C-alpha atoms as a PDB file:
ATOM      1  CA  MET A   1      60.903 -29.040  -9.223  1.00  0.00           C
ATOM      2  CA  ILE A   2      60.808 -32.360  -7.360  1.00  0.00           C
ATOM      3  CA  TRP A   3      63.066 -35.453  -7.494  1.00  0.00           C
ATOM      4  CA  ASP A   4      61.758 -38.957  -8.039  1.00  0.00           C
ATOM      5  CA  ASN A   5      65.078 -40.670  -7.089  1.00  0.00           C
ATOM      6  CA  PRO A   6      66.871 -38.210  -4.807  1.00  0.00           C
ATOM      7  CA  GLU A   7      69.077 -40.964  -3.365  1.00  0.00           C
ATOM      8  CA  TRP A   8      71.255 -40.639  -6.471  1.00  0.00           C
ATOM      9  CA  PHE A   9      72.598 -37.361  -5.107  1.00  0.00           C
ATOM     10  CA  TRP A  10      74.725 -39.430  -2.732  1.00  0.00           C
ATOM     11  CA  ALA A  11      76.763 -40.294  -5.833  1.00  0.00           C
ATOM     12  CA  LEU A  12      78.024 -36.697  -5.864  1.00  0.00           C
ATOM     13  CA  LEU A  13      80.350 -37.744  -3.049  1.00  0.00           C
ATOM     14  CA  ILE A  14      82.526 -39.322  -5.722  1.00  0.00           C
ATOM     15  CA  ILE A  15      83.430 -35.861  -7.076  1.00  0.00           C
ATOM     16  CA  PRO A  16      85.996 -35.052  -4.313  1.00  0.00           C
ATOM     17  CA  VAL A  17      87.523 -38.513  -4.829  1.00  0.00           C
ATOM     18  CA  ILE A  18      87.925 -37.925  -8.567  1.00  0.00           C
ATOM     19  CA  ILE A  19      89.490 -34.499  -7.946  1.00  0.00           C
ATOM     20  CA  TRP A  20      91.958 -35.962  -5.420  1.00  0.00           C
ATOM     21  CA  MET A  21      92.943 -38.787  -7.785  1.00  0.00           C
ATOM     22  CA  ARG A  22      93.384 -36.336 -10.652  1.00  0.00           C
ATOM     23  CA  TYR A  23      95.524 -34.113  -8.469  1.00  0.00           C
ATOM     24  CA  ARG A  24      97.798 -37.063  -7.558  1.00  0.00           C
ATOM     25  CA  TYR A  25      98.026 -37.983 -11.241  1.00  0.00           C
ATOM     26  CA  TYR A  26      99.157 -34.487 -12.277  1.00  0.00           C
ATOM     27  CA  LYS A  27     101.673 -34.361  -9.417  1.00  0.00           C
ATOM     28  CA  ARG A  28     103.317 -37.563 -10.675  1.00  0.00           C
ATOM     29  CA  ARG A  29     103.446 -36.249 -14.256  1.00  0.00           C
ATOM     30  CA  GLN A  30     105.126 -33.039 -13.132  1.00  0.00           C
ATOM     31  CA  MET A  31     108.240 -34.907 -11.899  1.00  0.00           C
ATOM     32  CA  ALA A  32     111.336 -33.432 -13.673  1.00  0.00           C
ATOM     33  CA  TYR A  33     112.981 -35.465 -16.449  1.00  0.00           C
ATOM     34  CA  VAL A  34     115.879 -32.945 -16.934  1.00  0.00           C
ATOM     35  CA  THR A  35     117.532 -31.018 -14.115  1.00  0.00           C
ATOM     36  CA  TYR A  36     118.386 -27.356 -14.595  1.00  0.00           C
ATOM     37  CA  SER A  37     120.575 -25.271 -12.307  1.00  0.00           C
ATOM     38  CA  ASP A  38     118.440 -22.167 -12.819  1.00  0.00           C
ATOM     39  CA  THR A  39     114.864 -21.929 -14.143  1.00  0.00           C
ATOM     40  CA  SER A  40     114.300 -18.223 -13.461  1.00  0.00           C
ATOM     41  CA  ASP A  41     114.487 -17.387 -17.176  1.00  0.00           C
ATOM     42  CA  LEU A  42     111.587 -19.730 -17.847  1.00  0.00           C
ATOM     43  CA  GLU A  43     109.239 -17.729 -15.588  1.00  0.00           C
ATOM     44  CA  VAL A  44     109.083 -14.816 -18.078  1.00  0.00           C
ATOM     45  CA  LEU A  45     107.810 -17.054 -20.862  1.00  0.00           C
ATOM     46  CA  THR A  46     104.142 -16.431 -21.701  1.00  0.00           C
ATOM     47  CA  GLY A  47     101.893 -19.322 -22.385  1.00  0.00           C
ATOM     48  CA  ASN A  48      99.428 -19.587 -25.282  1.00  0.00           C
ATOM     49  CA  TRP A  49      95.726 -20.490 -25.202  1.00  0.00           C
ATOM     50  CA  ARG A  50      96.551 -24.179 -25.114  1.00  0.00           C
ATOM     51  CA  SER A  51      98.502 -23.835 -21.886  1.00  0.00           C
ATOM     52  CA  TYR A  52      95.528 -22.201 -20.174  1.00  0.00           C
ATOM     53  CA  GLY A  53      93.080 -24.818 -21.407  1.00  0.00           C
ATOM     54  CA  VAL A  54      94.963 -27.870 -20.278  1.00  0.00           C
ATOM     55  CA  TYR A  55      92.571 -28.401 -17.354  1.00  0.00           C
ATOM     56  CA  SER A  56      89.371 -27.649 -19.294  1.00  0.00           C
ATOM     57  CA  GLY A  57      88.819 -31.296 -20.211  1.00  0.00           C
ATOM     58  CA  PHE A  58      88.857 -32.333 -16.571  1.00  0.00           C
ATOM     59  CA  LEU A  59      86.495 -29.503 -15.544  1.00  0.00           C
ATOM     60  CA  LEU A  60      84.104 -30.465 -18.320  1.00  0.00           C
ATOM     61  CA  GLN A  61      84.182 -34.071 -17.075  1.00  0.00           C
ATOM     62  CA  ILE A  62      83.247 -32.936 -13.549  1.00  0.00           C
ATOM     63  CA  ALA A  63      80.374 -30.831 -14.898  1.00  0.00           C
ATOM     64  CA  ALA A  64      79.216 -33.763 -17.074  1.00  0.00           C
ATOM     65  CA  ILE A  65      79.234 -36.155 -14.111  1.00  0.00           C
ATOM     66  CA  ILE A  66      77.185 -33.711 -12.028  1.00  0.00           C
ATOM     67  CA  LEU A  67      74.594 -33.340 -14.816  1.00  0.00           C
ATOM     68  CA  ILE A  68      74.367 -37.100 -15.392  1.00  0.00           C
ATOM     69  CA  ILE A  69      73.880 -37.784 -11.670  1.00  0.00           C
ATOM     70  CA  THR A  70      71.208 -35.063 -11.613  1.00  0.00           C
ATOM     71  CA  ALA A  71      69.457 -36.790 -14.526  1.00  0.00           C
ATOM     72  CA  LEU A  72      69.552 -40.122 -12.633  1.00  0.00           C
ATOM     73  CA  ALA A  73      67.816 -38.389  -9.704  1.00  0.00           C
ATOM     74  CA  ARG A  74      64.830 -37.891 -12.072  1.00  0.00           C
ATOM     75  CA  PRO A  75      63.975 -34.189 -11.839  1.00  0.00           C
ATOM     76  CA  GLN A  76      60.279 -33.557 -12.459  1.00  0.00           C
ATOM     77  CA  ASP A  77      58.092 -30.507 -12.830  1.00  0.00           C
ATOM     78  CA  GLU A  78      54.969 -30.941 -10.707  1.00  0.00           C
ATOM     79  CA  GLN A  79      51.731 -29.234 -11.742  1.00  0.00           C
ATOM     80  CA  VAL A  80      48.895 -29.333  -9.196  1.00  0.00           C
ATOM     81  CA  TYR A  81      45.325 -28.639 -10.281  1.00  0.00           C
ATOM     82  CA  THR A  82      42.515 -28.273  -7.790  1.00  0.00           C
ATOM     83  CA  GLU A  83      38.886 -28.751  -8.726  1.00  0.00           C
ATOM     84  CA  ARG A  84      36.621 -27.356  -6.031  1.00  0.00           C
ATOM     85  CA  HIS A  85      32.858 -27.615  -5.824  1.00  0.00           C
ATOM     86  CA  VAL A  86      31.188 -25.436  -3.220  1.00  0.00           C
ATOM     87  CA  GLU A  87      27.677 -26.130  -1.995  1.00  0.00           C
ATOM     88  CA  GLY A  88      26.776 -22.682  -0.714  1.00  0.00           C
ATOM     89  CA  ILE A  89      23.997 -21.637   1.626  1.00  0.00           C
ATOM     90  CA  ASP A  90      21.219 -19.159   0.853  1.00  0.00           C
ATOM     91  CA  ILE A  91      20.864 -16.712   3.728  1.00  0.00           C
ATOM     92  CA  MET A  92      18.393 -13.902   4.349  1.00  0.00           C
ATOM     93  CA  LEU A  93      19.266 -11.256   6.914  1.00  0.00           C
ATOM     94  CA  VAL A  94      16.118  -9.753   8.422  1.00  0.00           C
ATOM     95  CA  LEU A  95      16.735  -6.510  10.349  1.00  0.00           C
ATOM     96  CA  ASP A  96      14.416  -4.464  12.507  1.00  0.00           C
ATOM     97  CA  ILE A  97      14.600  -0.741  11.620  1.00  0.00           C
ATOM     98  CA  SER A  98      11.932   0.526  14.006  1.00  0.00           C
ATOM     99  CA  SER A  99      12.664   3.749  15.932  1.00  0.00           C
ATOM    100  CA  SER A 100      13.626   1.838  19.082  1.00  0.00           C
ATOM    101  CA  MET A 101      16.775   0.671  17.261  1.00  0.00           C
ATOM    102  CA  LEU A 102      18.239   4.104  18.098  1.00  0.00           C
ATOM    103  CA  ALA A 103      18.535   3.101  21.760  1.00  0.00           C
ATOM    104  CA  GLU A 104      22.122   3.352  22.937  1.00  0.00           C
ATOM    105  CA  ASP A 105      22.507   0.269  25.100  1.00  0.00           C
ATOM    106  CA  MET A 106      24.784  -0.791  22.232  1.00  0.00           C
ATOM    107  CA  GLN A 107      27.389   1.558  20.821  1.00  0.00           C
ATOM    108  CA  PRO A 108      26.892   3.866  19.064  1.00  0.00           C
ATOM    109  CA  ASN A 109      23.312   2.562  18.912  1.00  0.00           C
ATOM    110  CA  ARG A 110      21.539  -0.709  18.231  1.00  0.00           C
ATOM    111  CA  LEU A 111      21.081  -0.172  14.496  1.00  0.00           C
ATOM    112  CA  LEU A 112      24.660   0.860  13.737  1.00  0.00           C
ATOM    113  CA  ALA A 113      26.045  -1.935  15.899  1.00  0.00           C
ATOM    114  CA  VAL A 114      23.909  -4.509  14.082  1.00  0.00           C
ATOM    115  CA  LYS A 115      24.898  -3.155  10.656  1.00  0.00           C
ATOM    116  CA  GLU A 116      28.607  -3.386  11.506  1.00  0.00           C
ATOM    117  CA  VAL A 117      28.385  -6.957  12.794  1.00  0.00           C
ATOM    118  CA  ALA A 118      26.168  -8.038   9.880  1.00  0.00           C
ATOM    119  CA  SER A 119      28.706  -6.553   7.457  1.00  0.00           C
ATOM    120  CA  ASP A 120      31.500  -8.624   9.032  1.00  0.00           C
ATOM    121  CA  PHE A 121      29.273 -11.701   8.779  1.00  0.00           C
ATOM    122  CA  VAL A 122      28.753 -11.114   5.050  1.00  0.00           C
ATOM    123  CA  ASP A 123      32.530 -10.774   4.524  1.00  0.00           C
ATOM    124  CA  ARG A 124      33.074 -14.237   5.986  1.00  0.00           C
ATOM    125  CA  ARG A 125      30.435 -15.931   3.814  1.00  0.00           C
ATOM    126  CA  VAL A 126      32.206 -15.645   0.469  1.00  0.00           C
ATOM    127  CA  SER A 127      30.520 -18.690  -1.106  1.00  0.00           C
ATOM    128  CA  ASP A 128      26.937 -18.010  -0.022  1.00  0.00           C
ATOM    129  CA  ARG A 129      24.099 -16.089  -1.601  1.00  0.00           C
ATOM    130  CA  ILE A 130      22.922 -13.552   0.942  1.00  0.00           C
ATOM    131  CA  GLY A 131      19.940 -11.212   0.841  1.00  0.00           C
ATOM    132  CA  LEU A 132      18.564  -8.461   3.073  1.00  0.00           C
ATOM    133  CA  VAL A 133      15.050  -7.711   4.315  1.00  0.00           C
ATOM    134  CA  VAL A 134      14.207  -4.787   6.604  1.00  0.00           C
ATOM    135  CA  PHE A 135      10.996  -4.202   8.490  1.00  0.00           C
ATOM    136  CA  ALA A 136       9.255  -1.726  10.762  1.00  0.00           C
ATOM    137  CA  ARG A 137       5.459  -1.402  10.303  1.00  0.00           C
ATOM    138  CA  GLU A 138       5.928  -2.866   6.831  1.00  0.00           C
ATOM    139  CA  SER A 139       8.694  -4.961   5.341  1.00  0.00           C
ATOM    140  CA  PHE A 140      10.455  -5.056   2.002  1.00  0.00           C
ATOM    141  CA  THR A 141      13.389  -6.760   0.327  1.00  0.00           C
ATOM    142  CA  VAL A 142      16.427  -4.507   0.017  1.00  0.00           C
ATOM    143  CA  VAL A 143      18.554  -7.115  -1.797  1.00  0.00           C
ATOM    144  CA  PRO A 144      17.421 -10.590  -2.903  1.00  0.00           C
ATOM    145  CA  PRO A 145      19.839 -13.488  -2.285  1.00  0.00           C
ATOM    146  CA  THR A 146      22.971 -12.713  -4.298  1.00  0.00           C
ATOM    147  CA  LEU A 147      26.665 -13.500  -4.606  1.00  0.00           C
ATOM    148  CA  ASP A 148      27.300  -9.809  -5.342  1.00  0.00           C
ATOM    149  CA  HIS A 149      28.385  -9.020  -1.810  1.00  0.00           C
ATOM    150  CA  ASN A 150      29.669  -5.576  -2.814  1.00  0.00           C
ATOM    151  CA  LEU A 151      26.109  -4.598  -3.749  1.00  0.00           C
ATOM    152  CA  LEU A 152      24.800  -6.107  -0.536  1.00  0.00           C
ATOM    153  CA  GLN A 153      27.366  -4.253   1.578  1.00  0.00           C
ATOM    154  CA  HIS A 154      26.522  -0.963  -0.142  1.00  0.00           C
ATOM    155  CA  GLN A 155      22.791  -1.412   0.454  1.00  0.00           C
ATOM    156  CA  LEU A 156      23.366  -2.502   4.039  1.00  0.00           C
ATOM    157  CA  GLU A 157      25.320   0.687   4.639  1.00  0.00           C
ATOM    158  CA  GLN A 158      22.355   2.747   3.341  1.00  0.00           C
ATOM    159  CA  VAL A 159      19.810   1.095   5.661  1.00  0.00           C
ATOM    160  CA  ASP A 160      18.368   3.632   8.080  1.00  0.00           C
ATOM    161  CA  LEU A 161      15.284   4.462  10.096  1.00  0.00           C
ATOM    162  CA  GLY A 162      12.423   6.108   8.237  1.00  0.00           C
ATOM    163  CA  MET A 163      12.602   3.838   5.166  1.00  0.00           C
ATOM    164  CA  VAL A 164       9.136   2.581   6.155  1.00  0.00           C
ATOM    165  CA  ARG A 165       6.529   3.678   8.713  1.00  0.00           C
ATOM    166  CA  ASP A 166       7.415   3.065  12.326  1.00  0.00           C
ATOM    167  CA  GLY A 167       6.291  -0.071  14.115  1.00  0.00           C
ATOM    168  CA  THR A 168       7.458  -3.664  14.601  1.00  0.00           C
ATOM    169  CA  ALA A 169       5.944  -6.146  12.151  1.00  0.00           C
ATOM    170  CA  ILE A 170       8.097  -9.168  12.945  1.00  0.00           C
ATOM    171  CA  GLY A 171       5.741 -11.569  11.190  1.00  0.00           C
ATOM    172  CA  MET A 172       5.802  -9.496   7.999  1.00  0.00           C
ATOM    173  CA  GLY A 173       9.593  -9.326   7.987  1.00  0.00           C
ATOM    174  CA  LEU A 174       9.894 -13.093   8.460  1.00  0.00           C
ATOM    175  CA  ALA A 175       7.233 -13.857   5.844  1.00  0.00           C
ATOM    176  CA  THR A 176       8.996 -11.642   3.284  1.00  0.00           C
ATOM    177  CA  ALA A 177      12.238 -13.553   3.842  1.00  0.00           C
ATOM    178  CA  VAL A 178      10.400 -16.895   3.538  1.00  0.00           C
ATOM    179  CA  ASN A 179       8.921 -15.773   0.236  1.00  0.00           C
ATOM    180  CA  ARG A 180      12.427 -14.995  -1.072  1.00  0.00           C
ATOM    181  CA  LEU A 181      13.847 -18.387  -0.113  1.00  0.00           C
ATOM    182  CA  ARG A 182      10.945 -20.771  -0.679  1.00  0.00           C
ATOM    183  CA  ASN A 183      11.908 -21.511  -4.303  1.00  0.00           C
ATOM    184  CA  SER A 184      15.664 -21.622  -3.674  1.00  0.00           C
ATOM    185  CA  ASP A 185      17.461 -24.756  -4.853  1.00  0.00           C
ATOM    186  CA  ALA A 186      20.234 -24.435  -2.255  1.00  0.00           C
ATOM    187  CA  GLU A 187      20.904 -27.450  -0.038  1.00  0.00           C
ATOM    188  CA  SER A 188      20.608 -25.272   3.065  1.00  0.00           C
ATOM    189  CA  ARG A 189      18.443 -22.146   3.467  1.00  0.00           C
ATOM    190  CA  VAL A 190      18.710 -19.947   6.517  1.00  0.00           C
ATOM    191  CA  ILE A 191      17.004 -16.837   7.888  1.00  0.00           C
ATOM    192  CA  ILE A 192      18.638 -14.696  10.579  1.00  0.00           C
ATOM    193  CA  LEU A 193      15.974 -12.504  12.181  1.00  0.00           C
ATOM    194  CA  LEU A 194      16.978  -9.676  14.518  1.00  0.00           C
ATOM    195  CA  THR A 195      14.629  -7.434  16.467  1.00  0.00           C
ATOM    196  CA  ASP A 196      14.637  -5.392  19.665  1.00  0.00           C
ATOM    197  CA  GLY A 197      10.905  -5.397  20.389  1.00  0.00           C
ATOM    198  CA  GLU A 198       7.545  -7.131  20.311  1.00  0.00           C
ATOM    199  CA  ASN A 199       5.331  -7.662  17.309  1.00  0.00           C
ATOM    200  CA  ASN A 200       2.802  -4.801  17.213  1.00  0.00           C
ATOM    201  CA  ALA A 201       1.958  -4.420  13.522  1.00  0.00           C
ATOM    202  CA  GLY A 202       1.455  -6.341  10.295  1.00  0.00           C
ATOM    203  CA  GLU A 203      -1.128  -8.771   8.951  1.00  0.00           C
ATOM    204  CA  ILE A 204       0.884 -11.923   9.611  1.00  0.00           C
ATOM    205  CA  ASP A 205       1.473 -13.355  13.081  1.00  0.00           C
ATOM    206  CA  PRO A 206       5.177 -14.200  13.767  1.00  0.00           C
ATOM    207  CA  ILE A 207       4.338 -17.745  14.903  1.00  0.00           C
ATOM    208  CA  THR A 208       2.397 -18.331  11.682  1.00  0.00           C
ATOM    209  CA  ALA A 209       5.329 -16.987   9.663  1.00  0.00           C
ATOM    210  CA  GLY A 210       7.620 -19.369  11.566  1.00  0.00           C
ATOM    211  CA  GLU A 211       5.389 -22.323  10.729  1.00  0.00           C
ATOM    212  CA  LEU A 212       5.429 -21.223   7.106  1.00  0.00           C
ATOM    213  CA  ALA A 213       9.250 -21.221   7.191  1.00  0.00           C
ATOM    214  CA  ALA A 214       9.245 -24.730   8.640  1.00  0.00           C
ATOM    215  CA  THR A 215       6.885 -25.894   5.881  1.00  0.00           C
ATOM    216  CA  PHE A 216       9.396 -24.851   3.237  1.00  0.00           C
ATOM    217  CA  GLY A 217      12.315 -26.380   5.136  1.00  0.00           C
ATOM    218  CA  LEU A 218      13.882 -23.062   6.146  1.00  0.00           C
ATOM    219  CA  ARG A 219      15.888 -22.748   9.356  1.00  0.00           C
ATOM    220  CA  VAL A 220      15.396 -19.544  11.340  1.00  0.00           C
ATOM    221  CA  TYR A 221      17.830 -18.120  13.868  1.00  0.00           C
ATOM    222  CA  THR A 222      16.260 -15.389  15.985  1.00  0.00           C
ATOM    223  CA  ILE A 223      18.190 -12.687  17.851  1.00  0.00           C
ATOM    224  CA  GLY A 224      16.910 -10.350  20.538  1.00  0.00           C
ATOM    225  CA  ALA A 225      19.094  -7.233  20.565  1.00  0.00           C
ATOM    226  CA  SER A 226      18.885  -5.099  23.701  1.00  0.00           C
ATOM    227  CA  THR A 227      20.235  -4.773  27.204  1.00  0.00           C
ATOM    228  CA  ASP A 228      19.061  -7.271  29.790  1.00  0.00           C
ATOM    229  CA  ALA A 229      17.986  -4.364  31.998  1.00  0.00           C
ATOM    230  CA  ARG A 230      14.371  -3.144  32.093  1.00  0.00           C
ATOM    231  CA  THR A 231      15.130   0.123  30.316  1.00  0.00           C
ATOM    232  CA  ALA A 232      17.598   1.514  27.790  1.00  0.00           C
ATOM    233  CA  PRO A 233      18.765   5.094  27.073  1.00  0.00           C
ATOM    234  CA  TYR A 234      17.050   6.651  24.046  1.00  0.00           C
ATOM    235  CA  PRO A 235      18.165   9.952  22.454  1.00  0.00           C
ATOM    236  CA  VAL A 236      15.587  12.699  21.951  1.00  0.00           C
ATOM    237  CA  GLN A 237      16.272  15.894  20.012  1.00  0.00           C
ATOM    238  CA  ASP A 238      15.217  18.986  21.965  1.00  0.00           C
ATOM    239  CA  PRO A 239      15.230  22.232  19.947  1.00  0.00           C
ATOM    240  CA  LEU A 240      16.363  24.143  23.029  1.00  0.00           C
ATOM    241  CA  ARG A 241      18.617  21.720  24.886  1.00  0.00           C
ATOM    242  CA  GLY A 242      19.896  19.642  21.990  1.00  0.00           C
ATOM    243  CA  THR A 243      20.161  15.896  22.485  1.00  0.00           C
ATOM    244  CA  ARG A 244      18.817  14.564  25.734  1.00  0.00           C
ATOM    245  CA  TYR A 245      18.039  11.045  26.868  1.00  0.00           C
ATOM    246  CA  HIS A 246      15.116   9.302  28.424  1.00  0.00           C
ATOM    247  CA  GLU A 247      14.674   5.659  29.311  1.00  0.00           C
ATOM    248  CA  ILE A 248      12.518   3.408  27.164  1.00  0.00           C
ATOM    249  CA  ARG A 249      11.264  -0.012  28.184  1.00  0.00           C
ATOM    250  CA  VAL A 250      12.964  -3.139  26.872  1.00  0.00           C
ATOM    251  CA  GLU A 251      10.210  -5.324  25.459  1.00  0.00           C
ATOM    252  CA  ILE A 252      11.337  -8.466  23.662  1.00  0.00           C
ATOM    253  CA  ASP A 253       8.945 -11.387  23.345  1.00  0.00           C
ATOM    254  CA  GLU A 254      11.587 -14.033  23.992  1.00  0.00           C
ATOM    255  CA  GLU A 255       9.058 -16.820  24.249  1.00  0.00           C
ATOM    256  CA  MET A 256       7.802 -16.059  20.742  1.00  0.00           C
ATOM    257  CA  MET A 257      11.374 -15.843  19.394  1.00  0.00           C
ATOM    258  CA  ARG A 258      12.241 -19.216  20.921  1.00  0.00           C
ATOM    259  CA  THR A 259       9.092 -20.765  19.453  1.00  0.00           C
ATOM    260  CA  ILE A 260       9.915 -19.539  15.941  1.00  0.00           C
ATOM    261  CA  ALA A 261      13.484 -20.821  16.166  1.00  0.00           C
ATOM    262  CA  GLY A 262      12.446 -24.153  17.685  1.00  0.00           C
ATOM    263  CA  THR A 263       9.743 -24.755  15.073  1.00  0.00           C
ATOM    264  CA  THR A 264      12.266 -24.397  12.236  1.00  0.00           C
ATOM    265  CA  GLY A 265      15.227 -26.199  13.817  1.00  0.00           C
ATOM    266  CA  GLY A 266      17.104 -22.974  14.593  1.00  0.00           C
ATOM    267  CA  ARG A 267      18.103 -21.276  17.836  1.00  0.00           C
ATOM    268  CA  TYR A 268      17.258 -18.136  19.759  1.00  0.00           C
ATOM    269  CA  PHE A 269      20.074 -15.820  20.928  1.00  0.00           C
ATOM    270  CA  ARG A 270      20.073 -12.808  23.201  1.00  0.00           C
ATOM    271  CA  ALA A 271      22.629 -10.080  22.473  1.00  0.00           C
ATOM    272  CA  THR A 272      22.945  -7.516  25.234  1.00  0.00           C
ATOM    273  CA  ASP A 273      25.964  -5.536  24.002  1.00  0.00           C
ATOM    274  CA  ASN A 274      28.309  -5.198  21.017  1.00  0.00           C
ATOM    275  CA  GLU A 275      30.546  -8.082  22.081  1.00  0.00           C
ATOM    276  CA  SER A 276      27.721 -10.563  22.608  1.00  0.00           C
ATOM    277  CA  LEU A 277      26.093  -9.482  19.325  1.00  0.00           C
ATOM    278  CA  GLU A 278      29.320 -10.205  17.466  1.00  0.00           C
ATOM    279  CA  GLN A 279      29.616 -13.533  19.256  1.00  0.00           C
ATOM    280  CA  VAL A 280      26.084 -14.493  18.191  1.00  0.00           C
ATOM    281  CA  TYR A 281      26.830 -13.929  14.498  1.00  0.00           C
ATOM    282  CA  GLN A 282      30.131 -15.804  14.812  1.00  0.00           C
ATOM    283  CA  GLU A 283      28.351 -18.744  16.407  1.00  0.00           C
ATOM    284  CA  ILE A 284      25.775 -18.835  13.619  1.00  0.00           C
ATOM    285  CA  ASP A 285      28.627 -18.586  11.110  1.00  0.00           C
ATOM    286  CA  GLU A 286      30.265 -21.670  12.644  1.00  0.00           C
ATOM    287  CA  MET A 287      27.022 -23.646  12.769  1.00  0.00           C
ATOM    288  CA  GLU A 288      26.163 -22.975   9.122  1.00  0.00           C
ATOM    289  CA  GLN A 289      29.231 -24.100   7.191  1.00  0.00           C
ATOM    290  CA  SER A 290      29.253 -24.414   3.403  1.00  0.00           C
ATOM    291  CA  GLU A 291      30.163 -27.844   2.014  1.00  0.00           C
ATOM    292  CA  PHE A 292      33.324 -28.159  -0.094  1.00  0.00           C
ATOM    293  CA  ASP A 293      34.218 -31.024  -2.421  1.00  0.00           C
ATOM    294  CA  GLU A 294      37.842 -30.773  -3.490  1.00  0.00           C
ATOM    295  CA  VAL A 295      39.671 -32.993  -5.971  1.00  0.00           C
ATOM    296  CA  VAL A 296      43.414 -32.499  -6.438  1.00  0.00           C
ATOM    297  CA  TYR A 297      45.108 -33.542  -9.690  1.00  0.00           C
ATOM    298  CA  GLN A 298      48.883 -33.869 -10.016  1.00  0.00           C
ATOM    299  CA  GLU A 299      50.708 -33.863 -13.333  1.00  0.00           C
ATOM    300  CA  PHE A 300      54.424 -34.620 -13.642  1.00  0.00           C
ATOM    301  CA  SER A 301      56.724 -33.616 -16.506  1.00  0.00           C
ATOM    302  CA  GLU A 302      60.077 -35.410 -16.783  1.00  0.00           C
ATOM    303  CA  LEU A 303      63.069 -33.029 -16.947  1.00  0.00           C
ATOM    304  CA  TYR A 304      65.938 -35.535 -16.869  1.00  0.00           C
ATOM    305  CA  LYS A 305      66.406 -35.523 -20.660  1.00  0.00           C
ATOM    306  CA  GLY A 306      67.841 -32.006 -20.645  1.00  0.00           C
ATOM    307  CA  PHE A 307      70.303 -32.780 -17.862  1.00  0.00           C
ATOM    308  CA  LEU A 308      71.332 -36.075 -19.472  1.00  0.00           C
ATOM    309  CA  GLY A 309      71.729 -34.500 -22.913  1.00  0.00           C
ATOM    310  CA  TRP A 310      73.963 -31.683 -21.690  1.00  0.00           C
ATOM    311  CA  GLY A 311      75.913 -34.146 -19.569  1.00  0.00           C
ATOM    312  CA  MET A 312      76.689 -36.285 -22.623  1.00  0.00           C
ATOM    313  CA  ILE A 313      77.627 -33.200 -24.659  1.00  0.00           C
ATOM    314  CA  LEU A 314      80.043 -31.992 -21.978  1.00  0.00           C
ATOM    315  CA  MET A 315      81.529 -35.468 -21.680  1.00  0.00           C
ATOM    316  CA  LEU A 316      82.158 -35.510 -25.426  1.00  0.00           C
ATOM    317  CA  LEU A 317      83.729 -32.022 -25.261  1.00  0.00           C
ATOM    318  CA  SER A 318      86.006 -33.157 -22.443  1.00  0.00           C
ATOM    319  CA  PHE A 319      87.214 -36.047 -24.638  1.00  0.00           C
ATOM    320  CA  VAL A 320      87.910 -33.609 -27.511  1.00  0.00           C
ATOM    321  CA  CYS A 321      89.845 -31.296 -25.175  1.00  0.00           C
ATOM    322  CA  ASP A 322      91.922 -34.089 -23.638  1.00  0.00           C
ATOM    323  CA  ARG A 323      92.653 -36.000 -26.861  1.00  0.00           C
ATOM    324  CA  TRP A 324      92.966 -33.207 -29.382  1.00  0.00           C
ATOM    325  CA  LEU A 325      92.754 -29.514 -28.439  1.00  0.00           C
ATOM    326  CA  PHE A 326      94.897 -29.578 -25.284  1.00  0.00           C
ATOM    327  CA  ARG A 327      96.807 -32.821 -25.581  1.00  0.00           C
ATOM    328  CA  THR A 328     100.284 -32.598 -24.136  1.00  0.00           C
ATOM    329  CA  GLU A 329     103.372 -34.497 -25.210  1.00  0.00           C
ATOM    330  CA  LEU A 330     103.295 -36.442 -21.952  1.00  0.00           C
ATOM    331  CA  ASP A 331     100.048 -38.030 -23.004  1.00  0.00           C
END
């Protein structure tokens, strides 16, 4: 409830004045007209319902004045309606699932670290259609662009090595994502490509796939995920000794990744640990903001009629009480 004329509440200050004047009036009326030597016998007399209601008229007047002043303050019921139009972004996540993603320069390994950060990214993009492509020697679409983020999260959780033959077909992964977004009607279309190696498989060259993305107006952000050292620890299962580690070379074609991103108007990022990987996705999240158009409607319903009506009713009742029900002989 809001008040259109709240300054009328200052009029409530007259209530104490009315009470004080009424009190002085009753004090003057209670002056004795006949003097008695002893009034103790009168104290045992019980009054009837009229004697207890002698002040009801005055109390009803006070209540009526309060309600009338409240009505003058124009109470209103405010209803706010919001009409929101969201211009979402279509995003394809492209993840490398080659065997080198088991390297443990990120914790617990590259693949699990990327899946966790990508999942957080999806949670933040509530208004966007997001899809998932994975690649190794071949590539395929796990989930096409969708607003069903629960499905996407479930499929992302199931992503693992061995879904396709081992290798690193970066061009194939990018081309598959381009094919999914080329007919999209979204205002903005984005591909986030993550890999930890060099292109060594596939029929499509990564640079060619990047040019194809640029042709369709797609923006590509590329991420190189690995330590900035020359080697990274890689777990190997030994039937006799259990898990042991040997160092594998870190081979990311950063020049190629920069070229792809630059051709499409995107950026290349290097993530060397879990914290920097999370920071990369947060930075992309901030750069690719959905557009919101919001129109707010306000509707007001007048409530003063109820207060005014009850105020007039109570005022009428106070008149009945003073002039008829509880009228005293001194009136």
